[in-house]
Amino acid sequence: MAPAGFKTGLIAVPPKAAGAWPRFLLPNMAAMLAAAALVYCLFLYGAGSQFFRDSDTGWHIRNGEWIAAHGALPQGDPYSFSVAGQRWYAWEWGSDVVMGLAHRVDGLRGVASLFAIVVFASTWLCCRLHFAAGGDFFLTALLMPLTVTAAGLHWLARPHLLSWLFLLAALLYAERAPLRFGVKELAIVAAGTAVWANMHASFLMAPAIALIYAKAHLLRPFLWRLDRGVEMARARWFLKAAVAAACGSLLNPYGWRLWQHIFAYLGNDELTSRIAEFQSFNFHANDARQVALVMILALAGGVLALSQKKLAHFALSMLFVWAALRSARVIPMVALLVLPLANGALTEALRNTSGLRPRLSALLDSALRYSWRLRRIDRDLGGAAFCCLTLLFCLSVMRLPALSKQIGFPQDRFPVRAANAVEKLPPDARLLAPDSYGGYLIYRFQGSRKVYFDGRSDLYGAAFMKQYLTLIEARPGWQETVRSFRFTHALLPKDSALRAVLEQAGWVAIHQDDVAILLEAR
């Protein structure tokens, strides 16, 4: 029968797909939208170079290769001369190993292929979440371009893309939590969080999501007339799930100290306030309209969810929108996690709309009924063969010479040509380079050329960051930092403020191109 809220009579339900072969061969909406996102990512977005526009990818790859080769985690920092040997929490070591193995198989093309598959899978899971939250078929199709646009802001070959899969899976599991809960379900939660904890620091969201659902079910009977027994049972299960997730997360090489380290890092405002990706998004940018629309829809969905007694959806919406306003890196998660919940709230609001003019009401009711029928058909399709063939085709096309040569760190962003001159420097040269070059240099020289600074901000700390900014921006006191680290060479962007003062101090250019300059102290 039709969902509650339809204002017309019974609807004829289409017959189910005939047999398993149609389900295996014919794609559903999730498969088609994921395929569209993959094609856009690889051939329009330019993933071959855009995935590598952050140099942190470099040290993730080399660290994963090191771990795979040694069968152990590095105990101290192996990549810098500025904090060499200092205790380093390689909290994303699992993702690093996956990236390192992909690189070992097929170089940077293998890494790009890996994250293209992740984009495909995250889009597929996001579509499934739309439907699990009660979203409309047509609204799902309309919202997915916004999701792809917002998520594309942070499409980088870095572990956070893998974390999106865990976040989507966790929320999807919470939405589809069975009425009867047992040890098996708790074991799934604990095992999934254990894997997550070794891949990315966002594993903290696993117990957090469970606690939000637990508190929501606990409070709902006090706010609305609901079955207290059912709500309390669900609250107890989600509370157990939160405990299981927290216990599972302790199955990592650092144990409870990982929690301590992550909270210390994220709670250090003096440090995070100096990291670009933790800053607020610039809503004055030319291409910010779609991101603003994502935020507006997420807020609207959260308010509607509260009016529909969906307390957990309201809390999740407010939490992620607030975090996204503080940090641009959370915006993709709003698109992937909150828009599906907003879709469910908008759909229910449309179904229960009253007081419209008869003609408009009839049109709305007809559109919702037709959408529901399409969803019934879509639910009986799968498209496993379609997904496999799409992935195989796209990844095969990436191997064409014209596309393969475009894969790698962008030469207009990184010192790709200057690295050849760096290679000729003495092994004991102490190279001054910005953090945006650090990860690339670790990758380019396989960790043998030690760097001054890279993107591992939790390792270097706030005091080092302040000293670094004083140096790189040529503020008063920069000379003391140069002397204290005994730099012999400097690899800087051609328009760097530090370049001018070093040349005034007698440093000489030994290589220069339209991206970077290599200076030598005399």
Protein backbone atom coordinates (compact mmCIF):
# COMPACT_ATOMS: atom_id res chain seq x y z
CA MET A 1 0.00 0.00 0.00
CA ALA A 2 1.04 3.62 -0.38
CA PRO A 3 2.94 5.47 2.34
CA ALA A 4 0.93 7.34 4.95
CA GLY A 5 -0.01 10.84 3.95
CA PHE A 6 -1.25 10.26 0.39
CA LYS A 7 -4.57 11.97 -0.12
CA THR A 8 -5.97 9.67 -2.80
CA GLY A 9 -7.14 6.06 -2.85
CA LEU A 10 -5.24 2.84 -3.24
CA ILE A 11 -2.38 2.69 -5.74
CA ALA A 12 -1.74 -0.24 -8.02
CA VAL A 13 1.63 -1.69 -7.06
CA PRO A 14 3.78 -2.66 -10.07
CA PRO A 15 4.88 -6.28 -10.27
CA LYS A 16 8.31 -7.15 -8.97
CA ALA A 17 11.19 -7.68 -11.34
CA ALA A 18 11.07 -11.17 -12.79
CA GLY A 19 13.78 -13.27 -11.22
CA ALA A 20 17.35 -12.64 -10.19
CA TRP A 21 18.80 -11.88 -13.63
CA PRO A 22 17.01 -8.52 -14.09
CA ARG A 23 18.13 -7.53 -10.60
CA PHE A 24 21.71 -8.48 -11.45
CA LEU A 25 21.78 -6.81 -14.86
CA LEU A 26 19.49 -3.76 -14.65
CA PRO A 27 20.82 -0.78 -12.64
CA ASN A 28 18.80 0.98 -9.98
CA MET A 29 19.02 4.71 -9.31
CA ALA A 30 21.87 4.34 -6.82
CA ALA A 31 23.99 2.51 -9.40
CA MET A 32 23.24 5.05 -12.14
CA LEU A 33 23.94 8.08 -9.93
CA ALA A 34 27.18 6.50 -8.71
CA ALA A 35 28.22 5.84 -12.30
CA ALA A 36 27.42 9.44 -13.25
CA ALA A 37 29.50 10.72 -10.31
CA LEU A 38 32.39 8.48 -11.35
CA VAL A 39 32.34 9.69 -14.96
CA TYR A 40 32.19 13.31 -13.79
CA CYS A 41 35.01 12.76 -11.31
CA LEU A 42 37.39 11.11 -13.78
CA PHE A 43 36.73 12.92 -17.02
CA LEU A 44 35.24 16.33 -16.20
CA TYR A 45 36.58 17.09 -12.73
CA GLY A 46 40.04 15.85 -13.77
CA ALA A 47 40.68 13.47 -10.90
CA GLY A 48 44.05 12.45 -12.35
CA SER A 49 45.54 15.73 -11.12
CA GLN A 50 42.84 17.12 -8.82
CA PHE A 51 43.15 14.15 -6.47
CA PHE A 52 46.80 15.16 -5.94
CA ARG A 53 46.42 18.88 -5.33
CA ASP A 54 47.26 18.35 -1.64
CA SER A 55 50.85 17.28 -0.97
CA ASP A 56 49.83 15.24 2.11
CA THR A 57 49.01 12.45 -0.33
CA GLY A 58 52.76 12.02 -0.79
CA TRP A 59 53.64 11.17 2.79
CA HIS A 60 50.55 8.95 3.16
CA ILE A 61 51.74 6.84 0.21
CA ARG A 62 55.33 6.56 1.41
CA ASN A 63 54.28 5.83 4.99
CA GLY A 64 52.00 3.04 3.78
CA GLU A 65 54.82 1.55 1.73
CA TRP A 66 57.17 1.75 4.73
CA ILE A 67 54.66 0.01 7.00
CA ALA A 68 54.00 -2.72 4.43
CA ALA A 69 57.75 -3.27 3.95
CA HIS A 70 58.64 -3.37 7.68
CA GLY A 71 55.48 -4.93 9.08
CA ALA A 72 55.40 -2.34 11.86
CA LEU A 73 54.46 1.26 12.54
CA PRO A 74 57.11 3.99 12.76
CA GLN A 75 57.69 4.85 16.41
CA GLY A 76 59.26 8.25 15.74
CA ASP A 77 59.08 10.72 12.88
CA PRO A 78 61.13 9.34 9.96
CA TYR A 79 60.58 12.13 7.44
CA SER A 80 61.83 15.44 8.87
CA PHE A 81 65.06 16.86 10.25
CA SER A 82 63.24 19.50 12.32
CA VAL A 83 61.50 17.06 14.70
CA ALA A 84 63.33 13.87 13.75
CA GLY A 85 62.54 10.92 16.02
CA GLN A 86 59.75 12.71 17.87
CA ARG A 87 56.78 10.52 18.88
CA TRP A 88 54.34 10.37 15.99
CA TYR A 89 50.83 8.93 16.08
CA ALA A 90 50.28 7.49 12.59
CA TRP A 91 46.55 7.32 13.28
CA GLU A 92 45.66 6.74 9.63
CA TRP A 93 48.09 3.89 9.15
CA GLY A 94 45.45 1.53 7.71
CA SER A 95 44.55 4.02 4.98
CA ASP A 96 48.24 4.65 4.38
CA VAL A 97 48.81 0.93 3.78
CA VAL A 98 45.90 0.75 1.34
CA MET A 99 47.28 3.77 -0.54
CA GLY A 100 50.80 2.37 -0.46
CA LEU A 101 49.69 -0.97 -1.87
CA ALA A 102 47.70 0.75 -4.62
CA HIS A 103 50.80 2.76 -5.49
CA ARG A 104 52.95 -0.34 -5.52
CA VAL A 105 50.57 -2.00 -7.99
CA ASP A 106 50.09 0.88 -10.44
CA GLY A 107 51.84 4.03 -9.22
CA LEU A 108 49.84 7.23 -8.88
CA ARG A 109 47.36 5.88 -11.40
CA GLY A 110 46.62 3.08 -8.95
CA VAL A 111 46.05 5.62 -6.18
CA ALA A 112 43.75 7.67 -8.43
CA SER A 113 41.85 4.49 -9.34
CA LEU A 114 41.44 3.61 -5.68
CA PHE A 115 39.88 6.94 -4.80
CA ALA A 116 37.73 6.96 -7.93
CA ILE A 117 36.22 3.72 -6.64
CA VAL A 118 35.71 5.39 -3.26
CA VAL A 119 33.84 8.28 -4.94
CA PHE A 120 31.65 5.72 -6.72
CA ALA A 121 30.95 3.79 -3.49
CA SER A 122 30.25 6.89 -1.39
CA THR A 123 27.75 8.18 -3.97
CA TRP A 124 26.03 4.78 -4.02
CA LEU A 125 25.82 4.67 -0.21
CA CYS A 126 24.54 8.25 -0.10
CA CYS A 127 21.71 7.35 -2.47
CA ARG A 128 20.83 4.34 -0.31
CA LEU A 129 20.75 6.63 2.72
CA HIS A 130 18.28 8.93 0.93
CA PHE A 131 15.87 6.02 0.57
CA ALA A 132 16.52 4.65 4.07
CA ALA A 133 15.59 8.06 5.49
CA GLY A 134 12.31 8.02 3.55
CA GLY A 135 13.43 10.30 0.74
CA ASP A 136 11.51 10.83 -2.48
CA PHE A 137 12.74 9.25 -5.73
CA PHE A 138 12.72 12.53 -7.70
CA LEU A 139 14.14 14.61 -4.83
CA THR A 140 17.02 12.15 -4.53
CA ALA A 141 17.87 12.68 -8.19
CA LEU A 142 17.62 16.47 -7.80
CA LEU A 143 19.78 16.61 -4.66
CA MET A 144 22.62 14.37 -5.89
CA PRO A 145 24.23 17.04 -8.15
CA LEU A 146 24.41 19.32 -5.12
CA THR A 147 25.96 16.49 -3.14
CA VAL A 148 28.59 15.83 -5.81
CA THR A 149 29.43 19.55 -6.04
CA ALA A 150 29.86 19.95 -2.29
CA ALA A 151 31.75 16.67 -1.84
CA GLY A 152 34.01 17.59 -4.75
CA LEU A 153 35.43 20.43 -2.64
CA HIS A 154 37.38 17.79 -0.74
CA TRP A 155 37.93 15.10 -3.35
CA LEU A 156 41.57 14.43 -2.52
CA ALA A 157 43.63 11.26 -2.43
CA ARG A 158 43.69 11.27 1.35
CA PRO A 159 42.24 9.02 4.07
CA HIS A 160 39.25 11.24 4.80
CA LEU A 161 37.59 9.97 1.60
CA LEU A 162 37.74 6.45 3.00
CA SER A 163 36.19 7.76 6.22
CA TRP A 164 33.13 8.89 4.24
CA LEU A 165 32.34 5.24 3.55
CA PHE A 166 32.38 4.46 7.27
CA LEU A 167 30.26 7.50 8.14
CA LEU A 168 27.65 6.65 5.52
CA ALA A 169 27.61 3.00 6.56
CA ALA A 170 27.22 3.96 10.25
CA LEU A 171 24.28 6.29 9.60
CA LEU A 172 22.69 3.83 7.19
CA TYR A 173 22.98 1.10 9.83
CA ALA A 174 21.42 3.38 12.46
CA GLU A 175 18.51 4.21 10.13
CA ARG A 176 17.89 0.52 9.42
CA ALA A 177 18.44 -0.70 12.98
CA PRO A 178 16.27 -3.82 13.43
CA LEU A 179 13.48 -3.98 15.97
CA ARG A 180 15.22 -6.87 17.70
CA PHE A 181 18.78 -6.30 18.77
CA GLY A 182 21.25 -8.94 19.82
CA VAL A 183 24.88 -9.80 20.29
CA LYS A 184 25.36 -10.21 16.55
CA GLU A 185 24.38 -6.61 15.85
CA LEU A 186 26.64 -5.30 18.62
CA ALA A 187 29.52 -7.40 17.28
CA ILE A 188 29.04 -5.84 13.85
CA VAL A 189 29.19 -2.36 15.40
CA ALA A 190 32.35 -3.18 17.39
CA ALA A 191 34.13 -4.83 14.44
CA GLY A 192 33.26 -2.01 12.04
CA THR A 193 34.49 0.63 14.47
CA ALA A 194 37.71 -1.31 15.08
CA VAL A 195 38.51 -1.18 11.37
CA TRP A 196 37.46 2.47 11.20
CA ALA A 197 39.73 3.42 14.12
CA ASN A 198 42.76 2.24 12.17
CA MET A 199 41.78 4.16 9.05
CA HIS A 200 40.82 7.68 10.16
CA ALA A 201 40.25 9.78 13.26
CA SER A 202 36.57 10.26 12.40
CA PHE A 203 35.88 6.90 14.10
CA LEU A 204 34.85 9.07 17.06
CA MET A 205 31.60 9.64 15.17
CA ALA A 206 30.62 5.97 15.58
CA PRO A 207 29.83 6.17 19.31
CA ALA A 208 28.66 9.77 18.84
CA ILE A 209 26.01 8.80 16.27
CA ALA A 210 24.83 5.93 18.48
CA LEU A 211 24.59 8.25 21.49
CA ILE A 212 22.59 10.80 19.50
CA TYR A 213 20.06 8.14 18.53
CA ALA A 214 19.98 6.81 22.09
CA LYS A 215 19.29 10.24 23.57
CA ALA A 216 16.70 10.96 20.90
CA HIS A 217 14.73 7.81 21.69
CA LEU A 218 15.09 8.51 25.38
CA LEU A 219 13.65 12.02 25.07
CA ARG A 220 10.94 11.43 22.48
CA PRO A 221 8.32 10.03 24.93
CA PHE A 222 8.76 13.13 27.13
CA LEU A 223 8.10 15.44 24.18
CA TRP A 224 5.41 13.58 22.25
CA ARG A 225 2.81 10.92 22.90
CA LEU A 226 4.74 7.84 21.83
CA ASP A 227 5.05 4.25 23.00
CA ARG A 228 7.43 4.63 25.94
CA GLY A 229 8.33 0.92 25.99
CA VAL A 230 9.43 0.84 22.34
CA GLU A 231 11.38 4.08 22.67
CA MET A 232 13.17 2.94 25.83
CA ALA A 233 14.09 -0.37 24.19
CA ARG A 234 15.61 1.44 21.23
CA ALA A 235 17.40 3.87 23.52
CA ARG A 236 18.96 1.00 25.45
CA TRP A 237 20.13 -0.71 22.27
CA PHE A 238 21.72 2.40 20.84
CA LEU A 239 23.41 3.00 24.18
CA LYS A 240 24.84 -0.52 24.01
CA ALA A 241 25.88 0.17 20.42
CA ALA A 242 27.75 3.30 21.58
CA VAL A 243 29.60 1.26 24.20
CA ALA A 244 30.39 -1.44 21.62
CA ALA A 245 31.70 1.19 19.20
CA ALA A 246 33.86 2.79 21.89
CA CYS A 247 35.29 -0.59 22.91
CA GLY A 248 35.92 -1.58 19.30
CA SER A 249 37.79 1.64 18.66
CA LEU A 250 40.35 0.67 21.32
CA LEU A 251 41.58 -2.11 19.03
CA ASN A 252 44.29 0.04 17.50
CA PRO A 253 48.07 0.17 18.04
CA TYR A 254 47.80 3.10 20.46
CA GLY A 255 44.79 1.99 22.52
CA TRP A 256 43.11 4.67 24.59
CA ARG A 257 46.01 7.06 23.94
CA LEU A 258 44.68 7.56 20.42
CA TRP A 259 41.52 9.09 21.87
CA GLN A 260 43.63 11.29 24.11
CA HIS A 261 45.83 12.42 21.24
CA ILE A 262 42.94 13.22 18.90
CA PHE A 263 41.02 15.21 21.52
CA ALA A 264 44.18 17.13 22.40
CA TYR A 265 44.78 17.91 18.73
CA LEU A 266 41.24 18.93 17.81
CA GLY A 267 40.85 20.89 21.05
CA ASN A 268 43.98 22.95 20.41
CA ASP A 269 42.43 26.10 18.93
CA GLU A 270 45.83 27.77 18.78
CA LEU A 271 46.91 25.09 16.31
CA THR A 272 43.73 24.42 14.31
CA SER A 273 43.11 28.15 13.83
CA ARG A 274 46.28 28.23 11.70
CA ILE A 275 45.32 25.27 9.48
CA ALA A 276 43.51 26.26 6.28
CA GLU A 277 41.09 23.33 6.06
CA PHE A 278 39.82 24.02 9.59
CA GLN A 279 38.79 27.54 8.60
CA SER A 280 35.29 28.61 7.57
CA PHE A 281 34.19 28.37 3.95
CA ASN A 282 34.23 31.59 1.93
CA PHE A 283 30.59 32.08 1.00
CA HIS A 284 31.57 35.16 -1.05
CA ALA A 285 33.39 33.02 -3.62
CA ASN A 286 31.98 32.90 -7.15
CA ASP A 287 31.06 29.22 -6.96
CA ALA A 288 29.64 29.30 -3.43
CA ARG A 289 25.93 29.38 -4.32
CA GLN A 290 25.52 25.62 -4.51
CA VAL A 291 27.32 25.17 -1.18
CA ALA A 292 25.05 27.81 0.38
CA LEU A 293 22.03 25.94 -1.01
CA VAL A 294 23.28 22.72 0.58
CA MET A 295 23.50 24.43 3.96
CA ILE A 296 20.04 26.02 3.61
CA LEU A 297 18.42 22.70 2.66
CA ALA A 298 20.20 20.95 5.52
CA LEU A 299 18.92 23.52 8.01
CA ALA A 300 15.40 23.41 6.59
CA GLY A 301 15.42 19.62 6.74
CA GLY A 302 16.55 19.70 10.35
CA VAL A 303 13.71 22.03 11.37
CA LEU A 304 11.15 19.92 9.50
CA ALA A 305 12.55 16.77 11.11
CA LEU A 306 11.93 18.23 14.55
CA SER A 307 8.33 19.02 13.62
CA GLN A 308 7.97 15.38 12.50
CA LYS A 309 9.28 14.01 15.81
CA LYS A 310 12.58 12.89 14.21
CA LEU A 311 14.71 14.11 17.05
CA ALA A 312 17.89 12.25 16.01
CA HIS A 313 17.70 13.73 12.49
CA PHE A 314 17.28 17.20 13.95
CA ALA A 315 20.28 16.77 16.25
CA LEU A 316 22.50 15.39 13.48
CA SER A 317 21.51 18.19 11.12
CA MET A 318 22.27 20.92 13.63
CA LEU A 319 25.55 19.29 14.67
CA PHE A 320 26.93 18.91 11.15
CA VAL A 321 25.73 22.32 9.93
CA TRP A 322 27.31 24.02 12.95
CA ALA A 323 30.57 22.13 12.36
CA ALA A 324 30.49 22.99 8.64
CA LEU A 325 30.09 26.69 9.39
CA ARG A 326 33.22 26.48 11.54
CA SER A 327 35.27 24.26 9.23
CA ALA A 328 35.02 23.94 5.45
CA ARG A 329 36.17 20.32 5.59
CA VAL A 330 32.81 19.33 7.12
CA ILE A 331 30.74 20.69 4.20
CA PRO A 332 31.06 17.44 2.16
CA MET A 333 29.72 15.52 5.16
CA VAL A 334 26.68 17.81 5.32
CA ALA A 335 25.99 16.99 1.67
CA LEU A 336 26.56 13.25 2.07
CA LEU A 337 24.93 12.68 5.47
CA VAL A 338 22.47 15.49 6.17
CA LEU A 339 20.89 16.06 2.74
CA PRO A 340 19.51 12.49 2.74
CA LEU A 341 17.87 13.18 6.11
CA ALA A 342 16.54 16.47 4.78
CA ASN A 343 15.11 14.60 1.80
CA GLY A 344 13.14 12.37 4.16
CA ALA A 345 11.80 15.36 6.07
CA LEU A 346 10.89 17.28 2.90
CA THR A 347 9.15 14.22 1.46
CA GLU A 348 7.01 13.73 4.56
CA ALA A 349 6.18 17.43 4.62
CA LEU A 350 5.03 17.31 0.98
CA ARG A 351 2.90 14.23 1.63
CA ASN A 352 1.16 15.89 4.56
CA THR A 353 0.69 19.28 2.90
CA SER A 354 -2.85 20.60 3.30
CA GLY A 355 -4.75 23.71 2.31
CA LEU A 356 -3.42 23.90 -1.24
CA ARG A 357 -5.64 24.82 -4.15
CA PRO A 358 -7.31 21.70 -5.57
CA ARG A 359 -5.42 21.69 -8.87
CA LEU A 360 -2.03 22.17 -7.19
CA SER A 361 -2.89 19.54 -4.59
CA ALA A 362 -3.82 17.08 -7.33
CA LEU A 363 -0.57 17.74 -9.21
CA LEU A 364 1.50 17.26 -6.07
CA ASP A 365 -0.32 14.08 -5.14
CA SER A 366 0.08 12.71 -8.67
CA ALA A 367 3.83 13.47 -8.68
CA LEU A 368 4.31 11.80 -5.31
CA ARG A 369 2.35 8.71 -6.35
CA TYR A 370 4.31 8.41 -9.59
CA SER A 371 7.58 8.83 -7.71
CA TRP A 372 6.54 6.14 -5.25
CA ARG A 373 5.77 3.75 -8.10
CA LEU A 374 9.19 4.36 -9.62
CA ARG A 375 10.76 3.68 -6.26
CA ARG A 376 8.90 0.37 -6.03
CA ILE A 377 10.34 -0.64 -9.39
CA ASP A 378 13.79 0.68 -8.47
CA ARG A 379 13.81 -1.35 -5.25
CA ASP A 380 13.60 -4.58 -7.25
CA LEU A 381 16.64 -3.69 -9.35
CA GLY A 382 20.30 -3.90 -8.40
CA GLY A 383 22.71 -3.54 -11.26
CA ALA A 384 25.74 -5.37 -9.90
CA ALA A 385 26.80 -6.18 -13.46
CA PHE A 386 26.26 -2.56 -14.51
CA CYS A 387 28.42 -1.31 -11.60
CA CYS A 388 31.23 -3.74 -12.37
CA LEU A 389 31.23 -2.92 -16.09
CA THR A 390 31.13 0.83 -15.39
CA LEU A 391 34.09 0.63 -13.04
CA LEU A 392 36.02 -1.61 -15.42
CA PHE A 393 35.37 0.67 -18.38
CA CYS A 394 36.29 3.92 -16.58
CA LEU A 395 39.43 2.51 -14.99
CA SER A 396 40.48 1.03 -18.34
CA VAL A 397 40.05 4.38 -20.07
CA MET A 398 42.35 5.91 -17.45
CA ARG A 399 45.13 3.71 -18.83
CA LEU A 400 45.03 5.44 -22.21
CA PRO A 401 48.29 7.38 -22.75
CA ALA A 402 46.49 10.71 -23.18
CA LEU A 403 44.89 10.37 -19.73
CA SER A 404 47.74 8.56 -17.97
CA LYS A 405 50.15 11.42 -18.58
CA GLN A 406 47.78 13.80 -16.77
CA ILE A 407 47.85 11.74 -13.58
CA GLY A 408 50.11 13.06 -10.85
CA PHE A 409 50.95 16.08 -8.72
CA PRO A 410 50.08 19.22 -10.73
CA GLN A 411 53.21 20.85 -12.14
CA ASP A 412 51.70 24.31 -11.76
CA ARG A 413 51.26 23.75 -8.02
CA PHE A 414 54.30 21.73 -6.92
CA PRO A 415 58.05 22.02 -7.60
CA VAL A 416 58.08 19.07 -10.00
CA ARG A 417 60.84 20.54 -12.20
CA ALA A 418 62.76 22.07 -9.32
CA ALA A 419 62.91 18.63 -7.67
CA ASN A 420 65.47 17.61 -10.28
CA ALA A 421 67.77 20.36 -8.98
CA VAL A 422 67.04 19.35 -5.36
CA GLU A 423 68.10 15.81 -6.24
CA LYS A 424 71.63 17.10 -6.99
CA LEU A 425 72.06 18.69 -3.55
CA PRO A 426 74.38 17.07 -0.98
CA PRO A 427 72.70 14.38 1.18
CA ASP A 428 73.17 16.49 4.32
CA ALA A 429 71.59 19.62 2.81
CA ARG A 430 68.99 21.20 5.11
CA LEU A 431 66.22 22.34 2.83
CA LEU A 432 63.81 25.08 3.84
CA ALA A 433 60.47 24.52 2.11
CA PRO A 434 56.85 25.37 2.93
CA ASP A 435 54.49 22.76 4.31
CA SER A 436 52.63 22.68 0.99
CA TYR A 437 55.79 21.20 -0.57
CA GLY A 438 56.69 18.86 2.29
CA GLY A 439 54.48 15.92 1.42
CA TYR A 440 55.44 16.11 -2.24
CA LEU A 441 59.16 16.09 -1.38
CA ILE A 442 58.67 13.06 0.88
CA TYR A 443 56.97 11.30 -2.02
CA ARG A 444 59.45 12.44 -4.67
CA PHE A 445 62.51 11.30 -2.70
CA GLN A 446 60.84 8.33 -0.98
CA GLY A 447 61.55 9.80 2.44
CA SER A 448 65.32 9.95 1.92
CA ARG A 449 65.41 13.75 1.62
CA LYS A 450 64.33 14.96 5.04
CA VAL A 451 61.97 17.92 5.13
CA TYR A 452 61.60 20.92 7.37
CA PHE A 453 57.79 20.89 7.58
CA ASP A 454 54.84 19.02 6.08
CA GLY A 455 51.12 18.60 6.68
CA ARG A 456 51.31 16.52 9.89
CA SER A 457 50.33 19.49 12.06
CA ASP A 458 49.55 17.34 15.11
CA LEU A 459 53.18 16.17 15.10
CA TYR A 460 54.77 19.62 14.82
CA GLY A 461 52.48 21.43 17.26
CA ALA A 462 51.31 25.01 17.75
CA ALA A 463 54.68 26.46 18.82
CA PHE A 464 56.39 25.11 15.72
CA MET A 465 53.52 26.41 13.56
CA LYS A 466 53.91 29.92 14.98
CA GLN A 467 57.64 29.83 14.35
CA TYR A 468 57.05 28.55 10.83
CA LEU A 469 54.60 31.36 9.98
CA THR A 470 57.07 33.93 11.28
CA LEU A 471 59.70 32.48 8.96
CA ILE A 472 57.68 31.84 5.81
CA GLU A 473 56.02 35.27 5.95
CA ALA A 474 59.37 36.98 6.66
CA ARG A 475 58.15 38.59 9.86
CA PRO A 476 60.57 40.13 12.37
CA GLY A 477 62.60 37.33 13.91
CA TRP A 478 62.81 35.13 10.82
CA GLN A 479 66.62 35.31 10.87
CA GLU A 480 66.78 33.50 14.22
CA THR A 481 64.80 30.58 12.82
CA VAL A 482 67.10 30.33 9.78
CA ARG A 483 70.14 30.27 12.05
CA SER A 484 68.64 27.81 14.54
CA PHE A 485 67.85 25.21 11.87
CA ARG A 486 71.08 25.85 9.92
CA PHE A 487 69.34 25.85 6.55
CA THR A 488 71.67 25.48 3.58
CA HIS A 489 69.05 25.73 0.83
CA ALA A 490 65.52 27.04 0.34
CA LEU A 491 62.87 25.80 -2.09
CA LEU A 492 60.14 28.42 -2.25
CA PRO A 493 57.25 29.53 -4.46
CA LYS A 494 58.53 32.12 -6.92
CA ASP A 495 56.40 34.88 -5.35
CA SER A 496 57.24 34.00 -1.73
CA ALA A 497 57.86 36.91 0.65
CA LEU A 498 60.75 34.96 2.15
CA ARG A 499 62.52 34.75 -1.21
CA ALA A 500 63.10 38.50 -1.35
CA VAL A 501 64.65 38.78 2.11
CA LEU A 502 66.84 35.72 1.58
CA GLU A 503 68.19 37.18 -1.67
CA GLN A 504 68.87 40.43 0.16
CA ALA A 505 70.77 38.41 2.75
CA GLY A 506 73.02 36.99 0.03
CA TRP A 507 71.31 33.72 -0.90
CA VAL A 508 71.78 32.84 -4.58
CA ALA A 509 69.31 31.20 -6.98
CA ILE A 510 70.63 27.93 -8.44
CA HIS A 511 67.36 26.98 -10.14
CA GLN A 512 64.28 28.92 -11.11
CA ASP A 513 61.15 28.14 -13.12
CA ASP A 514 57.64 29.58 -13.31
CA VAL A 515 56.55 27.72 -10.13
CA ALA A 516 59.46 27.60 -7.67
CA ILE A 517 62.95 28.86 -7.01
CA LEU A 518 65.83 27.00 -5.31
CA LEU A 519 68.17 29.21 -3.30
CA GLU A 520 71.53 28.38 -1.77
CA ALA A 521 73.08 30.09 1.25
CA ARG A 522 76.44 31.77 0.62
